[in-house]
PDB file of N, CA and C in Angstrom:
ATOM      1  N   GLY A   1      80.008  90.619 121.386  1.00  0.00           N
ATOM      2  CA  GLY A   1      80.892  89.985 122.313  1.00  0.00           C
ATOM      3  C   GLY A   1      82.218  89.615 121.664  1.00  0.00           C
ATOM      4  N   VAL A   2      82.998  88.868 122.375  1.00  0.00           N
ATOM      5  CA  VAL A   2      84.340  88.470 121.943  1.00  0.00           C
ATOM      6  C   VAL A   2      84.291  87.669 120.644  1.00  0.00           C
ATOM      7  N   ALA A   3      83.405  86.694 120.552  1.00  0.00           N
ATOM      8  CA  ALA A   3      83.340  85.849 119.354  1.00  0.00           C
ATOM      9  C   ALA A   3      82.971  86.664 118.121  1.00  0.00           C
ATOM     10  N   ASP A   4      81.983  87.542 118.244  1.00  0.00           N
ATOM     11  CA  ASP A   4      81.592  88.374 117.107  1.00  0.00           C
ATOM     12  C   ASP A   4      82.722  89.312 116.690  1.00  0.00           C
ATOM     13  N   ALA A   5      83.407  89.897 117.665  1.00  0.00           N
ATOM     14  CA  ALA A   5      84.520  90.801 117.362  1.00  0.00           C
ATOM     15  C   ALA A   5      85.636  90.059 116.645  1.00  0.00           C
ATOM     16  N   ALA A   6      85.945  88.853 117.103  1.00  0.00           N
ATOM     17  CA  ALA A   6      87.002  88.060 116.482  1.00  0.00           C
ATOM     18  C   ALA A   6      86.625  87.663 115.053  1.00  0.00           C
ATOM     19  N   ARG A   7      85.380  87.239 114.862  1.00  0.00           N
ATOM     20  CA  ARG A   7      84.940  86.872 113.516  1.00  0.00           C
ATOM     21  C   ARG A   7      84.972  88.079 112.587  1.00  0.00           C
ATOM     22  N   PHE A   8      84.598  89.249 113.109  1.00  0.00           N
ATOM     23  CA  PHE A   8      84.634  90.477 112.314  1.00  0.00           C
ATOM     24  C   PHE A   8      86.062  90.783 111.861  1.00  0.00           C
ATOM     25  N   LEU A   9      87.006  90.807 112.819  1.00  0.00           N
ATOM     26  CA  LEU A   9      88.400  91.098 112.464  1.00  0.00           C
ATOM     27  C   LEU A   9      88.944  90.068 111.475  1.00  0.00           C
ATOM     28  N   ALA A  10      88.670  88.801 111.705  1.00  0.00           N
ATOM     29  CA  ALA A  10      89.152  87.754 110.800  1.00  0.00           C
ATOM     30  C   ALA A  10      88.600  87.970 109.393  1.00  0.00           C
ATOM     31  N   ALA A  11      87.329  88.331 109.282  1.00  0.00           N
ATOM     32  CA  ALA A  11      86.722  88.573 107.968  1.00  0.00           C
ATOM     33  C   ALA A  11      87.372  89.768 107.278  1.00  0.00           C
ATOM     34  N   VAL A  12      87.652  90.828 108.026  1.00  0.00           N
ATOM     35  CA  VAL A  12      88.314  92.002 107.457  1.00  0.00           C
ATOM     36  C   VAL A  12      89.704  91.625 106.951  1.00  0.00           C
ATOM     37  N   PHE A  13      90.471  90.919 107.783  1.00  0.00           N
ATOM     38  CA  PHE A  13      91.830  90.546 107.395  1.00  0.00           C
ATOM     39  C   PHE A  13      91.821  89.644 106.159  1.00  0.00           C
ATOM     40  N   GLU A  14      90.907  88.672 106.128  1.00  0.00           N
ATOM     41  CA  GLU A  14      90.803  87.790 104.966  1.00  0.00           C
ATOM     42  C   GLU A  14      90.359  88.564 103.730  1.00  0.00           C
ATOM     43  N   GLY A  15      89.473  89.535 103.910  1.00  0.00           N
ATOM     44  CA  GLY A  15      89.027  90.362 102.805  1.00  0.00           C
ATOM     45  C   GLY A  15      90.146  91.195 102.218  1.00  0.00           C
ATOM     46  N   MET A  16      91.169  91.461 103.019  1.00  0.00           N
ATOM     47  CA  MET A  16      92.334  92.210 102.548  1.00  0.00           C
ATOM     48  C   MET A  16      93.364  91.296 101.890  1.00  0.00           C
ATOM     49  N   GLY A  17      93.109  89.999 101.895  1.00  0.00           N
ATOM     50  CA  GLY A  17      94.035  89.061 101.274  1.00  0.00           C
ATOM     51  C   GLY A  17      94.971  88.363 102.234  1.00  0.00           C
ATOM     52  N   ASP A  18      94.856  88.645 103.533  1.00  0.00           N
ATOM     53  CA  ASP A  18      95.672  87.960 104.534  1.00  0.00           C
ATOM     54  C   ASP A  18      94.952  86.684 104.961  1.00  0.00           C
ATOM     55  N   SER A  19      95.660  85.800 105.642  1.00  0.00           N
ATOM     56  CA  SER A  19      94.995  84.650 106.255  1.00  0.00           C
ATOM     57  C   SER A  19      94.750  84.984 107.719  1.00  0.00           C
ATOM     58  N   ALA A  20      93.696  84.421 108.267  1.00  0.00           N
ATOM     59  CA  ALA A  20      93.348  84.676 109.670  1.00  0.00           C
ATOM     60  C   ALA A  20      92.785  83.398 110.281  1.00  0.00           C
ATOM     61  N   GLU A  21      93.511  82.843 111.240  1.00  0.00           N
ATOM     62  CA  GLU A  21      93.055  81.660 111.974  1.00  0.00           C
ATOM     63  C   GLU A  21      92.562  82.117 113.339  1.00  0.00           C
ATOM     64  N   THR A  22      91.368  81.697 113.717  1.00  0.00           N
ATOM     65  CA  THR A  22      90.769  82.142 114.971  1.00  0.00           C
ATOM     66  C   THR A  22      90.574  80.958 115.902  1.00  0.00           C
ATOM     67  N   ALA A  23      90.918  81.148 117.164  1.00  0.00           N
ATOM     68  CA  ALA A  23      90.702  80.135 118.197  1.00  0.00           C
ATOM     69  C   ALA A  23      90.025  80.796 119.385  1.00  0.00           C
ATOM     70  N   PHE A  24      89.158  80.040 120.048  1.00  0.00           N
ATOM     71  CA  PHE A  24      88.418  80.552 121.205  1.00  0.00           C
ATOM     72  C   PHE A  24      88.695  79.676 122.412  1.00  0.00           C
ATOM     73  N   ASP A  25      88.687  80.298 123.615  1.00  0.00           N
ATOM     74  CA  ASP A  25      88.814  79.477 124.815  1.00  0.00           C
ATOM     75  C   ASP A  25      87.465  78.801 125.087  1.00  0.00           C
ATOM     76  N   GLU A  26      87.460  77.882 126.041  1.00  0.00           N
ATOM     77  CA  GLU A  26      86.277  77.058 126.278  1.00  0.00           C
ATOM     78  C   GLU A  26      85.055  77.831 126.782  1.00  0.00           C
ATOM     79  N   ASN A  27      85.246  78.952 127.447  1.00  0.00           N
ATOM     80  CA  ASN A  27      84.084  79.698 127.943  1.00  0.00           C
ATOM     81  C   ASN A  27      83.743  80.917 127.082  1.00  0.00           C
ATOM     82  N   GLY A  28      84.469  81.116 126.000  1.00  0.00           N
ATOM     83  CA  GLY A  28      84.137  82.184 125.064  1.00  0.00           C
ATOM     84  C   GLY A  28      84.540  83.580 125.495  1.00  0.00           C
ATOM     85  N   SER A  29      85.385  83.689 126.516  1.00  0.00           N
ATOM     86  CA  SER A  29      85.774  85.015 126.991  1.00  0.00           C
ATOM     87  C   SER A  29      87.078  85.513 126.352  1.00  0.00           C
ATOM     88  N   ARG A  30      87.698  84.673 125.523  1.00  0.00           N
ATOM     89  CA  ARG A  30      88.950  85.063 124.870  1.00  0.00           C
ATOM     90  C   ARG A  30      89.024  84.450 123.470  1.00  0.00           C
ATOM     91  N   ALA A  31      89.490  85.268 122.548  1.00  0.00           N
ATOM     92  CA  ALA A  31      89.722  84.795 121.181  1.00  0.00           C
ATOM     93  C   ALA A  31      91.121  85.207 120.764  1.00  0.00           C
ATOM     94  N   ILE A  32      91.759  84.368 119.990  1.00  0.00           N
ATOM     95  CA  ILE A  32      93.073  84.675 119.446  1.00  0.00           C
ATOM     96  C   ILE A  32      92.993  84.533 117.934  1.00  0.00           C
ATOM     97  N   ILE A  33      93.449  85.567 117.244  1.00  0.00           N
ATOM     98  CA  ILE A  33      93.454  85.568 115.783  1.00  0.00           C
ATOM     99  C   ILE A  33      94.909  85.627 115.324  1.00  0.00           C
ATOM    100  N   ARG A  34      95.310  84.636 114.555  1.00  0.00           N
ATOM    101  CA  ARG A  34      96.662  84.618 113.996  1.00  0.00           C
ATOM    102  C   ARG A  34      96.547  85.099 112.545  1.00  0.00           C
ATOM    103  N   GLN A  35      97.050  86.296 112.313  1.00  0.00           N
ATOM    104  CA  GLN A  35      96.966  86.923 110.994  1.00  0.00           C
ATOM    105  C   GLN A  35      98.290  86.743 110.271  1.00  0.00           C
ATOM    106  N   ARG A  36      98.232  86.268 109.040  1.00  0.00           N
ATOM    107  CA  ARG A  36      99.434  86.050 108.236  1.00  0.00           C
ATOM    108  C   ARG A  36      99.284  86.757 106.895  1.00  0.00           C
ATOM    109  N   GLY A  37     100.385  87.197 106.350  1.00  0.00           N
ATOM    110  CA  GLY A  37     100.398  87.835 105.045  1.00  0.00           C
ATOM    111  C   GLY A  37     100.718  89.317 105.123  1.00  0.00           C
ATOM    112  N   LEU A  38     100.010  90.027 105.972  1.00  0.00           N
ATOM    113  CA  LEU A  38     100.215  91.463 106.225  1.00  0.00           C
ATOM    114  C   LEU A  38     100.452  92.256 104.944  1.00  0.00           C
ATOM    115  N   ARG A  39      99.478  92.196 104.057  1.00  0.00           N
ATOM    116  CA  ARG A  39      99.576  92.946 102.801  1.00  0.00           C
ATOM    117  C   ARG A  39      99.770  94.431 103.043  1.00  0.00           C
ATOM    118  N   ILE A  40      99.267  94.938 104.155  1.00  0.00           N
ATOM    119  CA  ILE A  40      99.340  96.376 104.451  1.00  0.00           C
ATOM    120  C   ILE A  40     100.790  96.865 104.524  1.00  0.00           C
ATOM    121  N   VAL A  41     101.727  95.983 104.893  1.00  0.00           N
ATOM    122  CA  VAL A  41     103.128  96.401 105.008  1.00  0.00           C
ATOM    123  C   VAL A  41     104.057  95.619 104.089  1.00  0.00           C
ATOM    124  N   ARG A  42     103.491  94.938 103.105  1.00  0.00           N
ATOM    125  CA  ARG A  42     104.316  94.150 102.188  1.00  0.00           C
ATOM    126  C   ARG A  42     105.341  95.045 101.496  1.00  0.00           C
ATOM    127  N   ASP A  43     106.572  94.624 101.512  1.00  0.00           N
ATOM    128  CA  ASP A  43     107.701  95.322 100.878  1.00  0.00           C
ATOM    129  C   ASP A  43     108.060  96.647 101.549  1.00  0.00           C
ATOM    130  N   ILE A  44     107.553  96.897 102.736  1.00  0.00           N
ATOM    131  CA  ILE A  44     107.918  98.100 103.498  1.00  0.00           C
ATOM    132  C   ILE A  44     108.825  97.650 104.635  1.00  0.00           C
ATOM    133  N   LYS A  45     109.905  98.351 104.859  1.00  0.00           N
ATOM    134  CA  LYS A  45     110.904  97.948 105.852  1.00  0.00           C
ATOM    135  C   LYS A  45     111.149  99.056 106.870  1.00  0.00           C
ATOM    136  N   GLY A  46     111.792  98.679 107.962  1.00  0.00           N
ATOM    137  CA  GLY A  46     112.300  99.624 108.952  1.00  0.00           C
ATOM    138  C   GLY A  46     111.237 100.437 109.658  1.00  0.00           C
ATOM    139  N   ASP A  47     111.594 101.691 109.931  1.00  0.00           N
ATOM    140  CA  ASP A  47     110.711 102.577 110.690  1.00  0.00           C
ATOM    141  C   ASP A  47     109.384 102.821 109.984  1.00  0.00           C
ATOM    142  N   ASP A  48     109.397 102.889 108.662  1.00  0.00           N
ATOM    143  CA  ASP A  48     108.142 103.092 107.934  1.00  0.00           C
ATOM    144  C   ASP A  48     107.174 101.942 108.185  1.00  0.00           C
ATOM    145  N   ARG A  49     107.698 100.719 108.210  1.00  0.00           N
ATOM    146  CA  ARG A  49     106.864  99.549 108.486  1.00  0.00           C
ATOM    147  C   ARG A  49     106.293  99.623 109.896  1.00  0.00           C
ATOM    148  N   GLU A  50     107.145  99.916 110.857  1.00  0.00           N
ATOM    149  CA  GLU A  50     106.704  99.988 112.247  1.00  0.00           C
ATOM    150  C   GLU A  50     105.655 101.082 112.446  1.00  0.00           C
ATOM    151  N   ASP A  51     105.876 102.254 111.847  1.00  0.00           N
ATOM    152  CA  ASP A  51     104.916 103.358 111.967  1.00  0.00           C
ATOM    153  C   ASP A  51     103.564 102.981 111.362  1.00  0.00           C
ATOM    154  N   LEU A  52     103.589 102.385 110.176  1.00  0.00           N
ATOM    155  CA  LEU A  52     102.340 101.997 109.527  1.00  0.00           C
ATOM    156  C   LEU A  52     101.609 100.933 110.328  1.00  0.00           C
ATOM    157  N   LEU A  53     102.337  99.915 110.823  1.00  0.00           N
ATOM    158  CA  LEU A  53     101.705  98.875 111.640  1.00  0.00           C
ATOM    159  C   LEU A  53     101.091  99.452 112.914  1.00  0.00           C
ATOM    160  N   CYS A  54     101.782 100.380 113.539  1.00  0.00           N
ATOM    161  CA  CYS A  54     101.270 100.999 114.757  1.00  0.00           C
ATOM    162  C   CYS A  54      99.942 101.716 114.483  1.00  0.00           C
ATOM    163  N   CYS A  55      99.895 102.504 113.438  1.00  0.00           N
ATOM    164  CA  CYS A  55      98.668 103.232 113.090  1.00  0.00           C
ATOM    165  C   CYS A  55      97.564 102.278 112.662  1.00  0.00           C
ATOM    166  N   TRP A  56      97.915 101.297 111.864  1.00  0.00           N
ATOM    167  CA  TRP A  56      96.928 100.370 111.319  1.00  0.00           C
ATOM    168  C   TRP A  56      96.292  99.518 112.415  1.00  0.00           C
ATOM    169  N   THR A  57      97.121  99.010 113.350  1.00  0.00           N
ATOM    170  CA  THR A  57      96.553  98.210 114.437  1.00  0.00           C
ATOM    171  C   THR A  57      95.701  99.074 115.366  1.00  0.00           C
ATOM    172  N   ALA A  58      96.063 100.345 115.538  1.00  0.00           N
ATOM    173  CA  ALA A  58      95.254 101.237 116.374  1.00  0.00           C
ATOM    174  C   ALA A  58      93.856 101.426 115.788  1.00  0.00           C
ATOM    175  N   ILE A  59      93.747 101.440 114.468  1.00  0.00           N
ATOM    176  CA  ILE A  59      92.427 101.550 113.828  1.00  0.00           C
ATOM    177  C   ILE A  59      91.539 100.381 114.233  1.00  0.00           C
ATOM    178  N   TRP A  60      92.076  99.164 114.179  1.00  0.00           N
ATOM    179  CA  TRP A  60      91.265  97.977 114.479  1.00  0.00           C
ATOM    180  C   TRP A  60      91.011  97.842 115.973  1.00  0.00           C
ATOM    181  N   LYS A  61      91.951  98.255 116.806  1.00  0.00           N
ATOM    182  CA  LYS A  61      91.693  98.276 118.252  1.00  0.00           C
ATOM    183  C   LYS A  61      90.553  99.249 118.553  1.00  0.00           C
ATOM    184  N   GLY A  62      90.577 100.419 117.911  1.00  0.00           N
ATOM    185  CA  GLY A  62      89.522 101.407 118.102  1.00  0.00           C
ATOM    186  C   GLY A  62      88.176 100.915 117.616  1.00  0.00           C
ATOM    187  N   THR A  63      88.183 100.162 116.528  1.00  0.00           N
ATOM    188  CA  THR A  63      86.934  99.600 116.013  1.00  0.00           C
ATOM    189  C   THR A  63      86.291  98.682 117.046  1.00  0.00           C
ATOM    190  N   ILE A  64      87.097  97.813 117.648  1.00  0.00           N
ATOM    191  CA  ILE A  64      86.561  96.903 118.670  1.00  0.00           C
ATOM    192  C   ILE A  64      86.150  97.696 119.914  1.00  0.00           C
ATOM    193  N   ALA A  65      86.913  98.708 120.282  1.00  0.00           N
ATOM    194  CA  ALA A  65      86.583  99.520 121.463  1.00  0.00           C
ATOM    195  C   ALA A  65      85.287 100.301 121.262  1.00  0.00           C
ATOM    196  N   SER A  66      84.892 100.529 120.014  1.00  0.00           N
ATOM    197  CA  SER A  66      83.682 101.305 119.764  1.00  0.00           C
ATOM    198  C   SER A  66      82.402 100.513 120.036  1.00  0.00           C
ATOM    199  N   HIS A  67      82.513  99.212 120.210  1.00  0.00           N
ATOM    200  CA  HIS A  67      81.343  98.413 120.573  1.00  0.00           C
ATOM    201  C   HIS A  67      80.915  98.766 121.994  1.00  0.00           C
ATOM    202  N   ARG A  68      79.714  98.508 122.299  1.00  0.00           N
ATOM    203  CA  ARG A  68      79.241  98.832 123.648  1.00  0.00           C
ATOM    204  C   ARG A  68      79.704  97.830 124.693  1.00  0.00           C
ATOM    205  N   ALA A  69      80.168  96.661 124.267  1.00  0.00           N
ATOM    206  CA  ALA A  69      80.691  95.671 125.207  1.00  0.00           C
ATOM    207  C   ALA A  69      82.145  96.018 125.507  1.00  0.00           C
ATOM    208  N   PHE A  70      82.535  95.927 126.767  1.00  0.00           N
ATOM    209  CA  PHE A  70      83.914  96.211 127.134  1.00  0.00           C
ATOM    210  C   PHE A  70      84.783  94.999 126.828  1.00  0.00           C
ATOM    211  N   MET A  71      85.754  95.204 125.946  1.00  0.00           N
ATOM    212  CA  MET A  71      86.688  94.152 125.574  1.00  0.00           C
ATOM    213  C   MET A  71      88.079  94.754 125.492  1.00  0.00           C
ATOM    214  N   ASN A  72      89.068  93.935 125.779  1.00  0.00           N
ATOM    215  CA  ASN A  72      90.459  94.338 125.644  1.00  0.00           C
ATOM    216  C   ASN A  72      91.008  93.737 124.363  1.00  0.00           C
ATOM    217  N   VAL A  73      91.774  94.517 123.634  1.00  0.00           N
ATOM    218  CA  VAL A  73      92.404  94.033 122.408  1.00  0.00           C
ATOM    219  C   VAL A  73      93.896  94.295 122.511  1.00  0.00           C
ATOM    220  N   SER A  74      94.681  93.258 122.304  1.00  0.00           N
ATOM    221  CA  SER A  74      96.125  93.441 122.254  1.00  0.00           C
ATOM    222  C   SER A  74      96.628  92.793 120.969  1.00  0.00           C
ATOM    223  N   VAL A  75      97.767  93.259 120.510  1.00  0.00           N
ATOM    224  CA  VAL A  75      98.345  92.727 119.280  1.00  0.00           C
ATOM    225  C   VAL A  75      99.861  92.674 119.446  1.00  0.00           C
ATOM    226  N   ALA A  76     100.443  91.601 118.944  1.00  0.00           N
ATOM    227  CA  ALA A  76     101.895  91.427 119.021  1.00  0.00           C
ATOM    228  C   ALA A  76     102.377  90.869 117.696  1.00  0.00           C
ATOM    229  N   GLU A  77     103.579  91.240 117.304  1.00  0.00           N
ATOM    230  CA  GLU A  77     104.161  90.666 116.091  1.00  0.00           C
ATOM    231  C   GLU A  77     104.447  89.192 116.353  1.00  0.00           C
ATOM    232  N   ASP A  78     104.200  88.390 115.324  1.00  0.00           N
ATOM    233  CA  ASP A  78     104.347  86.942 115.439  1.00  0.00           C
ATOM    234  C   ASP A  78     104.991  86.432 114.148  1.00  0.00           C
ATOM    235  N   GLY A  79     106.298  86.474 114.092  1.00  0.00           N
ATOM    236  CA  GLY A  79     106.998  86.079 112.877  1.00  0.00           C
ATOM    237  C   GLY A  79     106.644  87.012 111.736  1.00  0.00           C
ATOM    238  N   ASP A  80     106.049  86.464 110.683  1.00  0.00           N
ATOM    239  CA  ASP A  80     105.665  87.279 109.534  1.00  0.00           C
ATOM    240  C   ASP A  80     104.220  87.765 109.630  1.00  0.00           C
ATOM    241  N   GLY A  81     103.648  87.706 110.817  1.00  0.00           N
ATOM    242  CA  GLY A  81     102.257  88.107 110.993  1.00  0.00           C
ATOM    243  C   GLY A  81     102.025  88.797 112.321  1.00  0.00           C
ATOM    244  N   LEU A  82     100.756  88.841 112.695  1.00  0.00           N
ATOM    245  CA  LEU A  82     100.351  89.444 113.958  1.00  0.00           C
ATOM    246  C   LEU A  82      99.513  88.456 114.738  1.00  0.00           C
ATOM    247  N   LEU A  83      99.581  88.551 116.047  1.00  0.00           N
ATOM    248  CA  LEU A  83      98.765  87.742 116.930  1.00  0.00           C
ATOM    249  C   LEU A  83      97.864  88.686 117.718  1.00  0.00           C
ATOM    250  N   TRP A  84      96.577  88.630 117.436  1.00  0.00           N
ATOM    251  CA  TRP A  84      95.586  89.490 118.076  1.00  0.00           C
ATOM    252  C   TRP A  84      94.912  88.706 119.190  1.00  0.00           C
ATOM    253  N   THR A  85      94.714  89.337 120.356  1.00  0.00           N
ATOM    254  CA  THR A  85      93.990  88.714 121.457  1.00  0.00           C
ATOM    255  C   THR A  85      92.866  89.640 121.870  1.00  0.00           C
ATOM    256  N   ILE A  86      91.667  89.099 121.937  1.00  0.00           N
ATOM    257  CA  ILE A  86      90.495  89.845 122.387  1.00  0.00           C
ATOM    258  C   ILE A  86      89.948  89.126 123.598  1.00  0.00           C
ATOM    259  N   ASP A  87      89.752  89.835 124.697  1.00  0.00           N
ATOM    260  CA  ASP A  87      89.122  89.203 125.853  1.00  0.00           C
ATOM    261  C   ASP A  87      88.192  90.171 126.559  1.00  0.00           C
ATOM    262  N   ALA A  88      87.255  89.563 127.271  1.00  0.00           N
ATOM    263  CA  ALA A  88      86.237  90.336 127.975  1.00  0.00           C
ATOM    264  C   ALA A  88      86.657  90.594 129.402  1.00  0.00           C
TER     265      ALA A  88
END
């Protein structure tokens, strides 16, 4: 479900050296992960950064989509990090 998917992504991001703060709504149908650090694109600028982020986020969206539970995953840039939203 949403909580397991969010905990999984947060663990992966933390394992890569980024920080990941996770919050859940009261009924457990939505999780928000605030990822900071973005080691994957550290010191990369411009179009190369955007291309790498696009491919990299697609990998994690696909990972969540591969679960048998239907969930939506969106990601947006948030200052020096990313804001991931998972909902059922």
